Each structure stands twice: as C-alpha cells, then as structure tokens.
C-alpha cells in the first residue's frame, strides 16, 4: 500500500497542471488513505509517509486550481 500511495501521490501532483484538478483531488484522497494504511508496516513507513504527504499537497493544489478556474469563469461571465 505504501508504494501505491507514492505512485498516486506523484501522479496526482501532475494532474492539476494539465487541467485535471478533479482527478488530482480524487487520486489524492485515495493516496492519502493508502498512505495512512501503509504506515502500519514499519519497513515501508517512509515510503507511505512520502506518498501521504504528496497526496495531501495534491488535494490542496487541486482545490486551489478549482477555485482559480471558478474565479476566472466568474470574471469572464461578468464581462459579458
């Protein structure tokens, strides 16, 4: 589970920058859960922690991107 969390954390960090913020949030939540479960294994605790941290960062980044897109669309709608 630790490796899966790390892979999902890496992938979810890339998605907000290519316009897939919703996928980043989804994968980040799954990666956070898997990271928390993976921390129970002492041999892979560091990998699970890294995956969990990256997943949490990607969830925050994805939400920020959603808010930024909503603000841009709202600004464009007020011009019309």
PDB file of N, CA and C in Angstrom:
ATOM      1  N   UNK A   1       0.810  -1.192   0.000  1.00  0.00           N
ATOM      2  CA  UNK A   1       0.000   0.000   0.000  1.00  0.00           C
ATOM      3  C   UNK A   1       0.854   1.256   0.000  1.00  0.00           C
ATOM      4  N   UNK A   2       2.048   1.166   0.547  1.00  0.00           N
ATOM      5  CA  UNK A   2       2.921   2.326   0.604  1.00  0.00           C
ATOM      6  C   UNK A   2       3.362   2.741  -0.795  1.00  0.00           C
ATOM      7  N   UNK A   3       3.699   1.763  -1.621  1.00  0.00           N
ATOM      8  CA  UNK A   3       4.144   2.072  -2.982  1.00  0.00           C
ATOM      9  C   UNK A   3       2.982   2.635  -3.801  1.00  0.00           C
ATOM     10  N   UNK A   4       1.794   2.083  -3.616  1.00  0.00           N
ATOM     11  CA  UNK A   4       0.615   2.592  -4.322  1.00  0.00           C
ATOM     12  C   UNK A   4       0.336   4.041  -3.913  1.00  0.00           C
ATOM     13  N   UNK A   5       0.499   4.340  -2.648  1.00  0.00           N
ATOM     14  CA  UNK A   5       0.307   5.706  -2.178  1.00  0.00           C
ATOM     15  C   UNK A   5       1.325   6.645  -2.803  1.00  0.00           C
ATOM     16  N   UNK A   6       2.568   6.194  -2.902  1.00  0.00           N
ATOM     17  CA  UNK A   6       3.611   7.013  -3.508  1.00  0.00           C
ATOM     18  C   UNK A   6       3.329   7.256  -4.988  1.00  0.00           C
ATOM     19  N   UNK A   7       2.921   6.229  -5.708  1.00  0.00           N
ATOM     20  CA  UNK A   7       2.615   6.370  -7.135  1.00  0.00           C
ATOM     21  C   UNK A   7       1.424   7.304  -7.336  1.00  0.00           C
ATOM     22  N   UNK A   8       0.374   7.133  -6.541  1.00  0.00           N
ATOM     23  CA  UNK A   8      -0.790   8.006  -6.661  1.00  0.00           C
ATOM     24  C   UNK A   8      -0.440   9.444  -6.280  1.00  0.00           C
ATOM     25  N   UNK A   9       0.428   9.609  -5.300  1.00  0.00           N
ATOM     26  CA  UNK A   9       0.850  10.957  -4.916  1.00  0.00           C
ATOM     27  C   UNK A   9       1.611  11.651  -6.031  1.00  0.00           C
ATOM     28  N   UNK A  10       2.495  10.935  -6.700  1.00  0.00           N
ATOM     29  CA  UNK A  10       3.258  11.509  -7.807  1.00  0.00           C
ATOM     30  C   UNK A  10       2.328  11.846  -8.969  1.00  0.00           C
ATOM     31  N   UNK A  11       1.460  10.917  -9.321  1.00  0.00           N
ATOM     32  CA  UNK A  11       0.537  11.152 -10.438  1.00  0.00           C
ATOM     33  C   UNK A  11      -0.411  12.307 -10.140  1.00  0.00           C
ATOM     34  N   UNK A  12      -0.908  12.360  -8.923  1.00  0.00           N
ATOM     35  CA  UNK A  12      -1.868  13.408  -8.599  1.00  0.00           C
ATOM     36  C   UNK A  12      -1.223  14.789  -8.495  1.00  0.00           C
ATOM     37  N   UNK A  13       0.088  14.850  -8.326  1.00  0.00           N
ATOM     38  CA  UNK A  13       0.764  16.144  -8.347  1.00  0.00           C
ATOM     39  C   UNK A  13       0.889  16.704  -9.756  1.00  0.00           C
ATOM     40  N   UNK A  14       0.843  15.850 -10.755  1.00  0.00           N
ATOM     41  CA  UNK A  14       0.993  16.284 -12.147  1.00  0.00           C
ATOM     42  C   UNK A  14      -0.336  16.780 -12.723  1.00  0.00           C
ATOM     43  N   UNK A  15      -1.433  16.157 -12.350  1.00  0.00           N
ATOM     44  CA  UNK A  15      -2.716  16.417 -12.986  1.00  0.00           C
ATOM     45  C   UNK A  15      -3.242  17.851 -12.874  1.00  0.00           C
ATOM     46  N   UNK A  16      -3.045  18.593 -11.785  1.00  0.00           N
ATOM     47  CA  UNK A  16      -3.569  19.972 -11.767  1.00  0.00           C
ATOM     48  C   UNK A  16      -2.938  20.864 -12.836  1.00  0.00           C
ATOM     49  N   UNK A  17      -1.721  20.565 -13.221  1.00  0.00           N
ATOM     50  CA  UNK A  17      -1.027  21.412 -14.180  1.00  0.00           C
ATOM     51  C   UNK A  17      -1.418  21.127 -15.623  1.00  0.00           C
ATOM     52  N   UNK A  18      -2.132  20.030 -15.853  1.00  0.00           N
ATOM     53  CA  UNK A  18      -2.606  19.739 -17.206  1.00  0.00           C
ATOM     54  C   UNK A  18      -4.126  19.868 -17.295  1.00  0.00           C
ATOM     55  N   UNK A  19      -4.724  20.509 -16.310  1.00  0.00           N
ATOM     56  CA  UNK A  19      -6.143  20.804 -16.357  1.00  0.00           C
ATOM     57  C   UNK A  19      -7.056  19.728 -15.799  1.00  0.00           C
ATOM     58  N   UNK A  20      -6.525  18.797 -15.052  1.00  0.00           N
ATOM     59  CA  UNK A  20      -7.343  17.727 -14.479  1.00  0.00           C
ATOM     60  C   UNK A  20      -7.332  17.806 -12.950  1.00  0.00           C
ATOM     61  N   UNK A  21      -7.768  18.939 -12.434  1.00  0.00           N
ATOM     62  CA  UNK A  21      -7.766  19.140 -10.986  1.00  0.00           C
ATOM     63  C   UNK A  21      -8.696  18.188 -10.260  1.00  0.00           C
ATOM     64  N   UNK A  22      -9.811  17.843 -10.870  1.00  0.00           N
ATOM     65  CA  UNK A  22     -10.765  16.924 -10.232  1.00  0.00           C
ATOM     66  C   UNK A  22     -10.152  15.541 -10.068  1.00  0.00           C
ATOM     67  N   UNK A  23      -9.361  15.105 -11.062  1.00  0.00           N
ATOM     68  CA  UNK A  23      -8.703  13.803 -10.967  1.00  0.00           C
ATOM     69  C   UNK A  23      -7.600  13.832  -9.912  1.00  0.00           C
ATOM     70  N   UNK A  24      -6.954  14.967  -9.786  1.00  0.00           N
ATOM     71  CA  UNK A  24      -5.922  15.129  -8.768  1.00  0.00           C
ATOM     72  C   UNK A  24      -6.506  14.994  -7.366  1.00  0.00           C
ATOM     73  N   UNK A  25      -7.661  15.591  -7.151  1.00  0.00           N
ATOM     74  CA  UNK A  25      -8.305  15.508  -5.840  1.00  0.00           C
ATOM     75  C   UNK A  25      -8.720  14.067  -5.548  1.00  0.00           C
ATOM     76  N   UNK A  26      -9.292  13.407  -6.540  1.00  0.00           N
ATOM     77  CA  UNK A  26      -9.734  12.022  -6.361  1.00  0.00           C
ATOM     78  C   UNK A  26      -8.553  11.097  -6.050  1.00  0.00           C
ATOM     79  N   UNK A  27      -7.501  11.179  -6.856  1.00  0.00           N
ATOM     80  CA  UNK A  27      -6.333  10.328  -6.619  1.00  0.00           C
ATOM     81  C   UNK A  27      -5.618  10.700  -5.326  1.00  0.00           C
ATOM     82  N   UNK A  28      -5.637  11.981  -4.983  1.00  0.00           N
ATOM     83  CA  UNK A  28      -5.009  12.417  -3.741  1.00  0.00           C
ATOM     84  C   UNK A  28      -5.701  11.866  -2.508  1.00  0.00           C
ATOM     85  N   UNK A  29      -7.020  11.812  -2.555  1.00  0.00           N
ATOM     86  CA  UNK A  29      -7.763  11.254  -1.423  1.00  0.00           C
ATOM     87  C   UNK A  29      -7.475   9.766  -1.285  1.00  0.00           C
ATOM     88  N   UNK A  30      -7.470   9.058  -2.402  1.00  0.00           N
ATOM     89  CA  UNK A  30      -7.165   7.622  -2.370  1.00  0.00           C
ATOM     90  C   UNK A  30      -5.729   7.401  -1.894  1.00  0.00           C
ATOM     91  N   UNK A  31      -4.798   8.225  -2.385  1.00  0.00           N
ATOM     92  CA  UNK A  31      -3.402   8.105  -1.970  1.00  0.00           C
ATOM     93  C   UNK A  31      -3.201   8.392  -0.494  1.00  0.00           C
ATOM     94  N   UNK A  32      -3.955   9.335   0.049  1.00  0.00           N
ATOM     95  CA  UNK A  32      -3.864   9.646   1.471  1.00  0.00           C
ATOM     96  C   UNK A  32      -4.343   8.469   2.313  1.00  0.00           C
ATOM     97  N   UNK A  33      -5.440   7.862   1.899  1.00  0.00           N
ATOM     98  CA  UNK A  33      -5.958   6.702   2.628  1.00  0.00           C
ATOM     99  C   UNK A  33      -4.970   5.545   2.574  1.00  0.00           C
ATOM    100  N   UNK A  34      -4.432   5.270   1.382  1.00  0.00           N
ATOM    101  CA  UNK A  34      -3.464   4.181   1.258  1.00  0.00           C
ATOM    102  C   UNK A  34      -2.183   4.477   2.030  1.00  0.00           C
ATOM    103  N   UNK A  35      -1.777   5.737   2.084  1.00  0.00           N
ATOM    104  CA  UNK A  35      -0.596   6.110   2.858  1.00  0.00           C
ATOM    105  C   UNK A  35      -0.796   5.904   4.341  1.00  0.00           C
ATOM    106  N   UNK A  36      -1.984   6.237   4.814  1.00  0.00           N
ATOM    107  CA  UNK A  36      -2.277   6.031   6.235  1.00  0.00           C
ATOM    108  C   UNK A  36      -2.299   4.544   6.578  1.00  0.00           C
ATOM    109  N   UNK A  37      -2.848   3.741   5.682  1.00  0.00           N
ATOM    110  CA  UNK A  37      -2.847   2.295   5.914  1.00  0.00           C
ATOM    111  C   UNK A  37      -1.444   1.697   5.771  1.00  0.00           C
ATOM    112  N   UNK A  38      -0.651   2.243   4.858  1.00  0.00           N
ATOM    113  CA  UNK A  38       0.701   1.735   4.634  1.00  0.00           C
ATOM    114  C   UNK A  38       1.674   2.062   5.743  1.00  0.00           C
ATOM    115  N   UNK A  39       1.366   3.077   6.549  1.00  0.00           N
ATOM    116  CA  UNK A  39       2.261   3.439   7.655  1.00  0.00           C
ATOM    117  C   UNK A  39       2.265   2.404   8.766  1.00  0.00           C
ATOM    118  N   UNK A  40       1.357   1.445   8.721  1.00  0.00           N
ATOM    119  CA  UNK A  40       1.324   0.400   9.745  1.00  0.00           C
ATOM    120  C   UNK A  40       2.471  -0.589   9.584  1.00  0.00           C
ATOM    121  N   UNK A  41       3.024  -0.677   8.383  1.00  0.00           N
ATOM    122  CA  UNK A  41       4.160  -1.563   8.119  1.00  0.00           C
ATOM    123  C   UNK A  41       5.449  -0.795   8.423  1.00  0.00           C
ATOM    124  N   UNK A  42       6.210  -1.199   9.446  1.00  0.00           N
ATOM    125  CA  UNK A  42       7.419  -0.436   9.807  1.00  0.00           C
ATOM    126  C   UNK A  42       8.483  -0.420   8.721  1.00  0.00           C
ATOM    127  N   UNK A  43       8.516  -1.427   7.876  1.00  0.00           N
ATOM    128  CA  UNK A  43       9.545  -1.491   6.837  1.00  0.00           C
ATOM    129  C   UNK A  43       9.320  -0.451   5.742  1.00  0.00           C
ATOM    130  N   UNK A  44       8.080  -0.062   5.517  1.00  0.00           N
ATOM    131  CA  UNK A  44       7.772   0.880   4.432  1.00  0.00           C
ATOM    132  C   UNK A  44       7.119   2.159   4.956  1.00  0.00           C
ATOM    133  N   UNK A  45       7.429   2.500   6.168  1.00  0.00           N
ATOM    134  CA  UNK A  45       6.814   3.672   6.783  1.00  0.00           C
ATOM    135  C   UNK A  45       7.231   4.962   6.077  1.00  0.00           C
ATOM    136  N   UNK A  46       8.480   5.062   5.666  1.00  0.00           N
ATOM    137  CA  UNK A  46       8.962   6.266   4.982  1.00  0.00           C
ATOM    138  C   UNK A  46       8.316   6.456   3.623  1.00  0.00           C
ATOM    139  N   UNK A  47       8.177   5.372   2.879  1.00  0.00           N
ATOM    140  CA  UNK A  47       7.533   5.436   1.567  1.00  0.00           C
ATOM    141  C   UNK A  47       6.072   5.839   1.712  1.00  0.00           C
ATOM    142  N   UNK A  48       5.399   5.270   2.693  1.00  0.00           N
ATOM    143  CA  UNK A  48       3.991   5.601   2.928  1.00  0.00           C
ATOM    144  C   UNK A  48       3.839   7.062   3.345  1.00  0.00           C
ATOM    145  N   UNK A  49       4.746   7.551   4.162  1.00  0.00           N
ATOM    146  CA  UNK A  49       4.689   8.945   4.596  1.00  0.00           C
ATOM    147  C   UNK A  49       4.900   9.890   3.415  1.00  0.00           C
ATOM    148  N   UNK A  50       5.861   9.574   2.560  1.00  0.00           N
ATOM    149  CA  UNK A  50       6.109  10.409   1.378  1.00  0.00           C
ATOM    150  C   UNK A  50       4.892  10.425   0.459  1.00  0.00           C
ATOM    151  N   UNK A  51       4.290   9.276   0.251  1.00  0.00           N
ATOM    152  CA  UNK A  51       3.095   9.208  -0.579  1.00  0.00           C
ATOM    153  C   UNK A  51       1.935   9.972   0.016  1.00  0.00           C
ATOM    154  N   UNK A  52       1.796   9.868   1.335  1.00  0.00           N
ATOM    155  CA  UNK A  52       0.703  10.564   2.004  1.00  0.00           C
ATOM    156  C   UNK A  52       0.899  12.078   1.935  1.00  0.00           C
ATOM    157  N   UNK A  53       2.125  12.544   2.121  1.00  0.00           N
ATOM    158  CA  UNK A  53       2.405  13.986   2.062  1.00  0.00           C
ATOM    159  C   UNK A  53       2.137  14.521   0.655  1.00  0.00           C
ATOM    160  N   UNK A  54       2.607  13.802  -0.362  1.00  0.00           N
ATOM    161  CA  UNK A  54       2.371  14.251  -1.731  1.00  0.00           C
ATOM    162  C   UNK A  54       0.890  14.233  -2.079  1.00  0.00           C
ATOM    163  N   UNK A  55       0.174  13.265  -1.566  1.00  0.00           N
ATOM    164  CA  UNK A  55      -1.262  13.196  -1.824  1.00  0.00           C
ATOM    165  C   UNK A  55      -2.003  14.352  -1.171  1.00  0.00           C
ATOM    166  N   UNK A  56      -1.626  14.697   0.045  1.00  0.00           N
ATOM    167  CA  UNK A  56      -2.264  15.825   0.731  1.00  0.00           C
ATOM    168  C   UNK A  56      -1.971  17.132  -0.001  1.00  0.00           C
ATOM    169  N   UNK A  57      -0.738  17.303  -0.448  1.00  0.00           N
ATOM    170  CA  UNK A  57      -0.379  18.507  -1.206  1.00  0.00           C
ATOM    171  C   UNK A  57      -1.168  18.572  -2.505  1.00  0.00           C
ATOM    172  N   UNK A  58      -1.341  17.440  -3.168  1.00  0.00           N
ATOM    173  CA  UNK A  58      -2.056  17.448  -4.447  1.00  0.00           C
ATOM    174  C   UNK A  58      -3.547  17.719  -4.253  1.00  0.00           C
ATOM    175  N   UNK A  59      -4.127  17.262  -3.148  1.00  0.00           N
ATOM    176  CA  UNK A  59      -5.530  17.589  -2.870  1.00  0.00           C
ATOM    177  C   UNK A  59      -5.677  19.097  -2.678  1.00  0.00           C
ATOM    178  N   UNK A  60      -4.788  19.696  -1.914  1.00  0.00           N
ATOM    179  CA  UNK A  60      -4.840  21.144  -1.701  1.00  0.00           C
ATOM    180  C   UNK A  60      -4.630  21.897  -3.010  1.00  0.00           C
ATOM    181  N   UNK A  61      -3.680  21.442  -3.819  1.00  0.00           N
ATOM    182  CA  UNK A  61      -3.403  22.090  -5.096  1.00  0.00           C
ATOM    183  C   UNK A  61      -4.575  21.947  -6.058  1.00  0.00           C
ATOM    184  N   UNK A  62      -5.201  20.790  -6.068  1.00  0.00           N
ATOM    185  CA  UNK A  62      -6.363  20.582  -6.933  1.00  0.00           C
ATOM    186  C   UNK A  62      -7.523  21.474  -6.545  1.00  0.00           C
ATOM    187  N   UNK A  63      -7.753  21.642  -5.241  1.00  0.00           N
ATOM    188  CA  UNK A  63      -8.836  22.518  -4.779  1.00  0.00           C
ATOM    189  C   UNK A  63      -8.532  23.968  -5.116  1.00  0.00           C
ATOM    190  N   UNK A  64      -7.279  24.369  -4.971  1.00  0.00           N
ATOM    191  CA  UNK A  64      -6.892  25.736  -5.337  1.00  0.00           C
ATOM    192  C   UNK A  64      -7.107  25.973  -6.821  1.00  0.00           C
ATOM    193  N   UNK A  65      -6.791  24.985  -7.644  1.00  0.00           N
ATOM    194  CA  UNK A  65      -6.993  25.118  -9.092  1.00  0.00           C
ATOM    195  C   UNK A  65      -8.484  25.224  -9.418  1.00  0.00           C
ATOM    196  N   UNK A  66      -9.316  24.452  -8.723  1.00  0.00           N
ATOM    197  CA  UNK A  66     -10.767  24.552  -8.921  1.00  0.00           C
ATOM    198  C   UNK A  66     -11.256  25.963  -8.594  1.00  0.00           C
ATOM    199  N   UNK A  67     -10.801  26.501  -7.478  1.00  0.00           N
ATOM    200  CA  UNK A  67     -11.223  27.847  -7.071  1.00  0.00           C
ATOM    201  C   UNK A  67     -10.736  28.880  -8.080  1.00  0.00           C
ATOM    202  N   UNK A  68      -9.503  28.732  -8.555  1.00  0.00           N
ATOM    203  CA  UNK A  68      -8.963  29.676  -9.542  1.00  0.00           C
ATOM    204  C   UNK A  68      -9.748  29.613 -10.850  1.00  0.00           C
ATOM    205  N   UNK A  69     -10.110  28.430 -11.292  1.00  0.00           N
ATOM    206  CA  UNK A  69     -10.893  28.300 -12.522  1.00  0.00           C
ATOM    207  C   UNK A  69     -12.285  28.884 -12.355  1.00  0.00           C
ATOM    208  N   UNK A  70     -12.890  28.675 -11.209  1.00  0.00           N
ATOM    209  CA  UNK A  70     -14.209  29.228 -10.948  1.00  0.00           C
ATOM    210  C   UNK A  70     -14.142  30.764 -10.919  1.00  0.00           C
ATOM    211  N   UNK A  71     -13.084  31.315 -10.356  1.00  0.00           N
ATOM    212  CA  UNK A  71     -12.926  32.763 -10.318  1.00  0.00           C
ATOM    213  C   UNK A  71     -12.726  33.324 -11.725  1.00  0.00           C
ATOM    214  N   UNK A  72     -11.961  32.630 -12.544  1.00  0.00           N
ATOM    215  CA  UNK A  72     -11.746  33.084 -13.933  1.00  0.00           C
ATOM    216  C   UNK A  72     -13.045  33.037 -14.726  1.00  0.00           C
ATOM    217  N   UNK A  73     -13.795  31.963 -14.581  1.00  0.00           N
ATOM    218  CA  UNK A  73     -15.065  31.848 -15.295  1.00  0.00           C
ATOM    219  C   UNK A  73     -16.052  32.904 -14.797  1.00  0.00           C
ATOM    220  N   UNK A  74     -16.085  33.150 -13.497  1.00  0.00           N
ATOM    221  CA  UNK A  74     -16.943  34.185 -12.947  1.00  0.00           C
ATOM    222  C   UNK A  74     -16.552  35.578 -13.441  1.00  0.00           C
ATOM    223  N   UNK A  75     -15.267  35.808 -13.545  1.00  0.00           N
ATOM    224  CA  UNK A  75     -14.800  37.099 -14.063  1.00  0.00           C
ATOM    225  C   UNK A  75     -15.152  37.289 -15.526  1.00  0.00           C
ATOM    226  N   UNK A  76     -15.034  36.230 -16.305  1.00  0.00           N
ATOM    227  CA  UNK A  76     -15.391  36.329 -17.716  1.00  0.00           C
ATOM    228  C   UNK A  76     -16.902  36.488 -17.901  1.00  0.00           C
ATOM    229  N   UNK A  77     -17.678  35.848 -17.030  1.00  0.00           N
ATOM    230  CA  UNK A  77     -19.134  35.961 -17.126  1.00  0.00           C
ATOM    231  C   UNK A  77     -19.603  37.374 -16.796  1.00  0.00           C
ATOM    232  N   UNK A  78     -18.894  38.047 -15.926  1.00  0.00           N
ATOM    233  CA  UNK A  78     -19.309  39.419 -15.569  1.00  0.00           C
ATOM    234  C   UNK A  78     -18.968  40.416 -16.679  1.00  0.00           C
ATOM    235  N   UNK A  79     -18.061  40.075 -17.560  1.00  0.00           N
ATOM    236  CA  UNK A  79     -17.714  40.949 -18.676  1.00  0.00           C
ATOM    237  C   UNK A  79     -18.763  40.902 -19.776  1.00  0.00           C
ATOM    238  N   UNK A  80     -19.452  39.780 -19.872  1.00  0.00           N
ATOM    239  CA  UNK A  80     -20.405  39.630 -20.986  1.00  0.00           C
ATOM    240  C   UNK A  80     -21.721  40.296 -20.730  1.00  0.00           C
TER     241      UNK A  80
END
